[in-house]
Amino acid sequence: MRFNDILKHQEEIEIEEDPEVAFYSDLRRNRLTLEHVNRLRKLRELREYETKSRLELVKKMYARPAPVA
């Protein structure tokens, strides 16, 4: 094959590419479905729970010791 044939073949391949494939330069966002929203809500609730439990542990760890009688 000649170089021109390779270029022509490459152009044909590029034309046939699937338009649904997202590229790095493609800045369009997908629509959020209820499944996505629910998953995000559950993740947020889980993070809040973990933060609260970690805070309780830290409070117990660094609490003032009980006074000695």
PDB file of N, CA and C in Angstrom:
ATOM      1  N   MET A   1       0.836  -1.178   0.000  1.00  0.00           N
ATOM      2  CA  MET A   1       0.000   0.000   0.000  1.00  0.00           C
ATOM      3  C   MET A   1       0.879   1.239   0.000  1.00  0.00           C
ATOM      4  N   ARG A   2       0.370   2.234  -0.629  1.00  0.00           N
ATOM      5  CA  ARG A   2       1.074   3.507  -0.628  1.00  0.00           C
ATOM      6  C   ARG A   2       0.598   4.355   0.538  1.00  0.00           C
ATOM      7  N   PHE A   3       1.384   5.367   0.803  1.00  0.00           N
ATOM      8  CA  PHE A   3       1.075   6.243   1.917  1.00  0.00           C
ATOM      9  C   PHE A   3      -0.283   6.909   1.734  1.00  0.00           C
ATOM     10  N   ASN A   4      -0.601   7.326   0.504  1.00  0.00           N
ATOM     11  CA  ASN A   4      -1.899   7.952   0.243  1.00  0.00           C
ATOM     12  C   ASN A   4      -3.045   6.972   0.490  1.00  0.00           C
ATOM     13  N   ASP A   5      -2.851   5.722   0.152  1.00  0.00           N
ATOM     14  CA  ASP A   5      -3.877   4.711   0.396  1.00  0.00           C
ATOM     15  C   ASP A   5      -4.095   4.523   1.893  1.00  0.00           C
ATOM     16  N   ILE A   6      -3.024   4.544   2.648  1.00  0.00           N
ATOM     17  CA  ILE A   6      -3.132   4.396   4.098  1.00  0.00           C
ATOM     18  C   ILE A   6      -3.898   5.578   4.685  1.00  0.00           C
ATOM     19  N   LEU A   7      -3.591   6.781   4.222  1.00  0.00           N
ATOM     20  CA  LEU A   7      -4.307   7.958   4.716  1.00  0.00           C
ATOM     21  C   LEU A   7      -5.792   7.892   4.364  1.00  0.00           C
ATOM     22  N   LYS A   8      -6.096   7.458   3.168  1.00  0.00           N
ATOM     23  CA  LYS A   8      -7.486   7.357   2.743  1.00  0.00           C
ATOM     24  C   LYS A   8      -8.214   6.307   3.581  1.00  0.00           C
ATOM     25  N   HIS A   9      -7.537   5.198   3.840  1.00  0.00           N
ATOM     26  CA  HIS A   9      -8.114   4.143   4.662  1.00  0.00           C
ATOM     27  C   HIS A   9      -8.335   4.637   6.093  1.00  0.00           C
ATOM     28  N   GLN A  10      -7.395   5.402   6.615  1.00  0.00           N
ATOM     29  CA  GLN A  10      -7.518   5.957   7.965  1.00  0.00           C
ATOM     30  C   GLN A  10      -8.703   6.915   8.044  1.00  0.00           C
ATOM     31  N   GLU A  11      -8.902   7.741   7.012  1.00  0.00           N
ATOM     32  CA  GLU A  11     -10.040   8.663   6.994  1.00  0.00           C
ATOM     33  C   GLU A  11     -11.358   7.902   6.985  1.00  0.00           C
ATOM     34  N   GLU A  12     -11.422   6.805   6.265  1.00  0.00           N
ATOM     35  CA  GLU A  12     -12.641   5.991   6.241  1.00  0.00           C
ATOM     36  C   GLU A  12     -12.930   5.399   7.619  1.00  0.00           C
ATOM     37  N   ILE A  13     -11.893   4.967   8.302  1.00  0.00           N
ATOM     38  CA  ILE A  13     -12.063   4.412   9.650  1.00  0.00           C
ATOM     39  C   ILE A  13     -12.566   5.492  10.601  1.00  0.00           C
ATOM     40  N   GLU A  14     -12.000   6.699  10.506  1.00  0.00           N
ATOM     41  CA  GLU A  14     -12.428   7.785  11.385  1.00  0.00           C
ATOM     42  C   GLU A  14     -13.883   8.162  11.142  1.00  0.00           C
ATOM     43  N   ILE A  15     -14.328   8.089   9.902  1.00  0.00           N
ATOM     44  CA  ILE A  15     -15.719   8.403   9.586  1.00  0.00           C
ATOM     45  C   ILE A  15     -16.643   7.348  10.181  1.00  0.00           C
ATOM     46  N   GLU A  16     -16.202   6.109  10.198  1.00  0.00           N
ATOM     47  CA  GLU A  16     -17.026   5.017  10.696  1.00  0.00           C
ATOM     48  C   GLU A  16     -17.066   4.930  12.214  1.00  0.00           C
ATOM     49  N   GLU A  17     -16.286   5.744  12.939  1.00  0.00           N
ATOM     50  CA  GLU A  17     -16.249   5.667  14.393  1.00  0.00           C
ATOM     51  C   GLU A  17     -17.623   5.937  14.979  1.00  0.00           C
ATOM     52  N   ASP A  18     -17.874   5.291  16.096  1.00  0.00           N
ATOM     53  CA  ASP A  18     -19.154   5.415  16.785  1.00  0.00           C
ATOM     54  C   ASP A  18     -19.269   6.808  17.407  1.00  0.00           C
ATOM     55  N   PRO A  19     -20.329   7.553  17.109  1.00  0.00           N
ATOM     56  CA  PRO A  19     -20.472   8.897  17.686  1.00  0.00           C
ATOM     57  C   PRO A  19     -20.809   8.872  19.174  1.00  0.00           C
ATOM     58  N   GLU A  20     -21.195   7.721  19.725  1.00  0.00           N
ATOM     59  CA  GLU A  20     -21.541   7.617  21.130  1.00  0.00           C
ATOM     60  C   GLU A  20     -20.311   7.513  22.025  1.00  0.00           C
ATOM     61  N   VAL A  21     -19.153   7.283  21.442  1.00  0.00           N
ATOM     62  CA  VAL A  21     -17.928   7.151  22.222  1.00  0.00           C
ATOM     63  C   VAL A  21     -17.521   8.531  22.715  1.00  0.00           C
ATOM     64  N   ALA A  22     -17.296   8.647  24.007  1.00  0.00           N
ATOM     65  CA  ALA A  22     -16.927   9.931  24.584  1.00  0.00           C
ATOM     66  C   ALA A  22     -15.424  10.116  24.531  1.00  0.00           C
ATOM     67  N   PHE A  23     -15.002  11.295  24.160  1.00  0.00           N
ATOM     68  CA  PHE A  23     -13.597  11.633  24.120  1.00  0.00           C
ATOM     69  C   PHE A  23     -13.286  12.586  25.259  1.00  0.00           C
ATOM     70  N   TYR A  24     -12.010  12.767  25.538  1.00  0.00           N
ATOM     71  CA  TYR A  24     -11.598  13.647  26.626  1.00  0.00           C
ATOM     72  C   TYR A  24     -12.082  15.072  26.385  1.00  0.00           C
ATOM     73  N   SER A  25     -12.105  15.490  25.149  1.00  0.00           N
ATOM     74  CA  SER A  25     -12.522  16.858  24.835  1.00  0.00           C
ATOM     75  C   SER A  25     -14.038  17.021  24.856  1.00  0.00           C
ATOM     76  N   ASP A  26     -14.755  15.930  24.965  1.00  0.00           N
ATOM     77  CA  ASP A  26     -16.210  15.988  24.987  1.00  0.00           C
ATOM     78  C   ASP A  26     -16.663  16.351  26.395  1.00  0.00           C
ATOM     79  N   LEU A  27     -17.262  17.508  26.545  1.00  0.00           N
ATOM     80  CA  LEU A  27     -17.609  18.006  27.864  1.00  0.00           C
ATOM     81  C   LEU A  27     -19.088  17.811  28.196  1.00  0.00           C
ATOM     82  N   ARG A  28     -19.832  17.136  27.355  1.00  0.00           N
ATOM     83  CA  ARG A  28     -21.241  16.920  27.651  1.00  0.00           C
ATOM     84  C   ARG A  28     -21.386  15.956  28.808  1.00  0.00           C
ATOM     85  N   ARG A  29     -22.398  16.177  29.641  1.00  0.00           N
ATOM     86  CA  ARG A  29     -22.623  15.314  30.794  1.00  0.00           C
ATOM     87  C   ARG A  29     -23.842  14.447  30.524  1.00  0.00           C
ATOM     88  N   ASN A  30     -23.801  13.253  31.101  1.00  0.00           N
ATOM     89  CA  ASN A  30     -24.945  12.373  30.994  1.00  0.00           C
ATOM     90  C   ASN A  30     -26.060  12.861  31.906  1.00  0.00           C
ATOM     91  N   ARG A  31     -27.269  12.482  31.590  1.00  0.00           N
ATOM     92  CA  ARG A  31     -28.393  12.836  32.440  1.00  0.00           C
ATOM     93  C   ARG A  31     -28.372  11.971  33.686  1.00  0.00           C
ATOM     94  N   LEU A  32     -28.728  12.581  34.801  1.00  0.00           N
ATOM     95  CA  LEU A  32     -28.803  11.836  36.045  1.00  0.00           C
ATOM     96  C   LEU A  32     -30.139  11.127  36.117  1.00  0.00           C
ATOM     97  N   THR A  33     -30.098   9.841  36.376  1.00  0.00           N
ATOM     98  CA  THR A  33     -31.322   9.081  36.564  1.00  0.00           C
ATOM     99  C   THR A  33     -31.604   8.979  38.052  1.00  0.00           C
ATOM    100  N   LEU A  34     -32.766   8.463  38.407  1.00  0.00           N
ATOM    101  CA  LEU A  34     -33.090   8.284  39.815  1.00  0.00           C
ATOM    102  C   LEU A  34     -32.118   7.317  40.474  1.00  0.00           C
ATOM    103  N   GLU A  35     -31.654   6.334  39.737  1.00  0.00           N
ATOM    104  CA  GLU A  35     -30.669   5.392  40.282  1.00  0.00           C
ATOM    105  C   GLU A  35     -29.389   6.137  40.671  1.00  0.00           C
ATOM    106  N   HIS A  36     -28.919   7.039  39.802  1.00  0.00           N
ATOM    107  CA  HIS A  36     -27.713   7.807  40.106  1.00  0.00           C
ATOM    108  C   HIS A  36     -27.931   8.675  41.336  1.00  0.00           C
ATOM    109  N   VAL A  37     -29.084   9.349  41.389  1.00  0.00           N
ATOM    110  CA  VAL A  37     -29.363  10.245  42.500  1.00  0.00           C
ATOM    111  C   VAL A  37     -29.439   9.458  43.805  1.00  0.00           C
ATOM    112  N   ASN A  38     -30.103   8.307  43.790  1.00  0.00           N
ATOM    113  CA  ASN A  38     -30.216   7.492  44.997  1.00  0.00           C
ATOM    114  C   ASN A  38     -28.856   6.968  45.439  1.00  0.00           C
ATOM    115  N   ARG A  39     -28.036   6.563  44.489  1.00  0.00           N
ATOM    116  CA  ARG A  39     -26.699   6.072  44.832  1.00  0.00           C
ATOM    117  C   ARG A  39     -25.882   7.190  45.477  1.00  0.00           C
ATOM    118  N   LEU A  40     -25.973   8.402  44.917  1.00  0.00           N
ATOM    119  CA  LEU A  40     -25.252   9.534  45.491  1.00  0.00           C
ATOM    120  C   LEU A  40     -25.764   9.864  46.891  1.00  0.00           C
ATOM    121  N   ARG A  41     -27.075   9.792  47.082  1.00  0.00           N
ATOM    122  CA  ARG A  41     -27.648  10.072  48.398  1.00  0.00           C
ATOM    123  C   ARG A  41     -27.164   9.056  49.415  1.00  0.00           C
ATOM    124  N   LYS A  42     -27.166   7.777  49.044  1.00  0.00           N
ATOM    125  CA  LYS A  42     -26.698   6.731  49.955  1.00  0.00           C
ATOM    126  C   LYS A  42     -25.226   6.910  50.299  1.00  0.00           C
ATOM    127  N   LEU A  43     -24.408   7.271  49.316  1.00  0.00           N
ATOM    128  CA  LEU A  43     -22.989   7.513  49.583  1.00  0.00           C
ATOM    129  C   LEU A  43     -22.801   8.686  50.533  1.00  0.00           C
ATOM    130  N   ARG A  44     -23.582   9.751  50.327  1.00  0.00           N
ATOM    131  CA  ARG A  44     -23.484  10.904  51.217  1.00  0.00           C
ATOM    132  C   ARG A  44     -23.879  10.533  52.640  1.00  0.00           C
ATOM    133  N   GLU A  45     -24.977   9.760  52.781  1.00  0.00           N
ATOM    134  CA  GLU A  45     -25.406   9.335  54.112  1.00  0.00           C
ATOM    135  C   GLU A  45     -24.361   8.447  54.771  1.00  0.00           C
ATOM    136  N   LEU A  46     -23.735   7.565  54.002  1.00  0.00           N
ATOM    137  CA  LEU A  46     -22.690   6.693  54.542  1.00  0.00           C
ATOM    138  C   LEU A  46     -21.500   7.519  55.027  1.00  0.00           C
ATOM    139  N   ARG A  47     -21.087   8.522  54.242  1.00  0.00           N
ATOM    140  CA  ARG A  47     -19.976   9.378  54.657  1.00  0.00           C
ATOM    141  C   ARG A  47     -20.317  10.143  55.933  1.00  0.00           C
ATOM    142  N   GLU A  48     -21.551  10.647  56.025  1.00  0.00           N
ATOM    143  CA  GLU A  48     -21.964  11.364  57.230  1.00  0.00           C
ATOM    144  C   GLU A  48     -21.921  10.441  58.444  1.00  0.00           C
ATOM    145  N   TYR A  49     -22.395   9.198  58.285  1.00  0.00           N
ATOM    146  CA  TYR A  49     -22.379   8.230  59.381  1.00  0.00           C
ATOM    147  C   TYR A  49     -20.948   7.931  59.810  1.00  0.00           C
ATOM    148  N   GLU A  50     -20.067   7.709  58.843  1.00  0.00           N
ATOM    149  CA  GLU A  50     -18.675   7.417  59.166  1.00  0.00           C
ATOM    150  C   GLU A  50     -18.016   8.602  59.862  1.00  0.00           C
ATOM    151  N   THR A  51     -18.325   9.804  59.417  1.00  0.00           N
ATOM    152  CA  THR A  51     -17.750  10.992  60.048  1.00  0.00           C
ATOM    153  C   THR A  51     -18.219  11.114  61.488  1.00  0.00           C
ATOM    154  N   LYS A  52     -19.512  10.895  61.726  1.00  0.00           N
ATOM    155  CA  LYS A  52     -20.046  10.980  63.087  1.00  0.00           C
ATOM    156  C   LYS A  52     -19.433   9.915  63.984  1.00  0.00           C
ATOM    157  N   SER A  53     -19.314   8.689  63.482  1.00  0.00           N
ATOM    158  CA  SER A  53     -18.741   7.621  64.307  1.00  0.00           C
ATOM    159  C   SER A  53     -17.257   7.882  64.591  1.00  0.00           C
ATOM    160  N   ARG A  54     -16.537   8.408  63.618  1.00  0.00           N
ATOM    161  CA  ARG A  54     -15.125   8.734  63.818  1.00  0.00           C
ATOM    162  C   ARG A  54     -14.997   9.867  64.835  1.00  0.00           C
ATOM    163  N   LEU A  55     -15.893  10.848  64.764  1.00  0.00           N
ATOM    164  CA  LEU A  55     -15.859  11.960  65.711  1.00  0.00           C
ATOM    165  C   LEU A  55     -16.143  11.476  67.132  1.00  0.00           C
ATOM    166  N   GLU A  56     -17.095  10.556  67.291  1.00  0.00           N
ATOM    167  CA  GLU A  56     -17.380   9.993  68.619  1.00  0.00           C
ATOM    168  C   GLU A  56     -16.157   9.266  69.168  1.00  0.00           C
ATOM    169  N   LEU A  57     -15.480   8.505  68.341  1.00  0.00           N
ATOM    170  CA  LEU A  57     -14.283   7.790  68.770  1.00  0.00           C
ATOM    171  C   LEU A  57     -13.195   8.769  69.208  1.00  0.00           C
ATOM    172  N   VAL A  58     -13.009   9.829  68.450  1.00  0.00           N
ATOM    173  CA  VAL A  58     -11.986  10.811  68.787  1.00  0.00           C
ATOM    174  C   VAL A  58     -12.339  11.512  70.087  1.00  0.00           C
ATOM    175  N   LYS A  59     -13.623  11.818  70.285  1.00  0.00           N
ATOM    176  CA  LYS A  59     -14.038  12.459  71.538  1.00  0.00           C
ATOM    177  C   LYS A  59     -13.760  11.549  72.729  1.00  0.00           C
ATOM    178  N   LYS A  60     -14.036  10.252  72.584  1.00  0.00           N
ATOM    179  CA  LYS A  60     -13.754   9.309  73.668  1.00  0.00           C
ATOM    180  C   LYS A  60     -12.251   9.191  73.898  1.00  0.00           C
ATOM    181  N   MET A  61     -11.494   9.181  72.835  1.00  0.00           N
ATOM    182  CA  MET A  61     -10.059   8.984  72.929  1.00  0.00           C
ATOM    183  C   MET A  61      -9.390  10.164  73.629  1.00  0.00           C
ATOM    184  N   TYR A  62      -9.821  11.374  73.323  1.00  0.00           N
ATOM    185  CA  TYR A  62      -9.162  12.554  73.855  1.00  0.00           C
ATOM    186  C   TYR A  62      -9.979  13.252  74.939  1.00  0.00           C
ATOM    187  N   ALA A  63     -10.951  12.558  75.519  1.00  0.00           N
ATOM    188  CA  ALA A  63     -11.738  13.143  76.598  1.00  0.00           C
ATOM    189  C   ALA A  63     -10.872  13.266  77.840  1.00  0.00           C
ATOM    190  N   ARG A  64     -11.270  14.185  78.694  1.00  0.00           N
ATOM    191  CA  ARG A  64     -10.539  14.348  79.950  1.00  0.00           C
ATOM    192  C   ARG A  64     -10.738  13.105  80.799  1.00  0.00           C
ATOM    193  N   PRO A  65      -9.709  12.695  81.463  1.00  0.00           N
ATOM    194  CA  PRO A  65      -9.856  11.500  82.313  1.00  0.00           C
ATOM    195  C   PRO A  65     -10.761  11.814  83.507  1.00  0.00           C
ATOM    196  N   ALA A  66     -11.384  10.779  84.049  1.00  0.00           N
ATOM    197  CA  ALA A  66     -12.262  10.935  85.203  1.00  0.00           C
ATOM    198  C   ALA A  66     -11.425  11.384  86.397  1.00  0.00           C
ATOM    199  N   PRO A  67     -11.985  12.297  87.220  1.00  0.00           N
ATOM    200  CA  PRO A  67     -11.208  12.767  88.385  1.00  0.00           C
ATOM    201  C   PRO A  67     -10.976  11.630  89.390  1.00  0.00           C
ATOM    202  N   VAL A  68      -9.784  11.623  89.938  1.00  0.00           N
ATOM    203  CA  VAL A  68      -9.409  10.601  90.919  1.00  0.00           C
ATOM    204  C   VAL A  68      -9.935  11.051  92.285  1.00  0.00           C
ATOM    205  N   ALA A  69     -10.658  10.168  92.961  1.00  0.00           N
ATOM    206  CA  ALA A  69     -11.249  10.535  94.255  1.00  0.00           C
ATOM    207  C   ALA A  69     -10.353  10.302  95.425  1.00  0.00           C
TER     208      ALA A  69
END
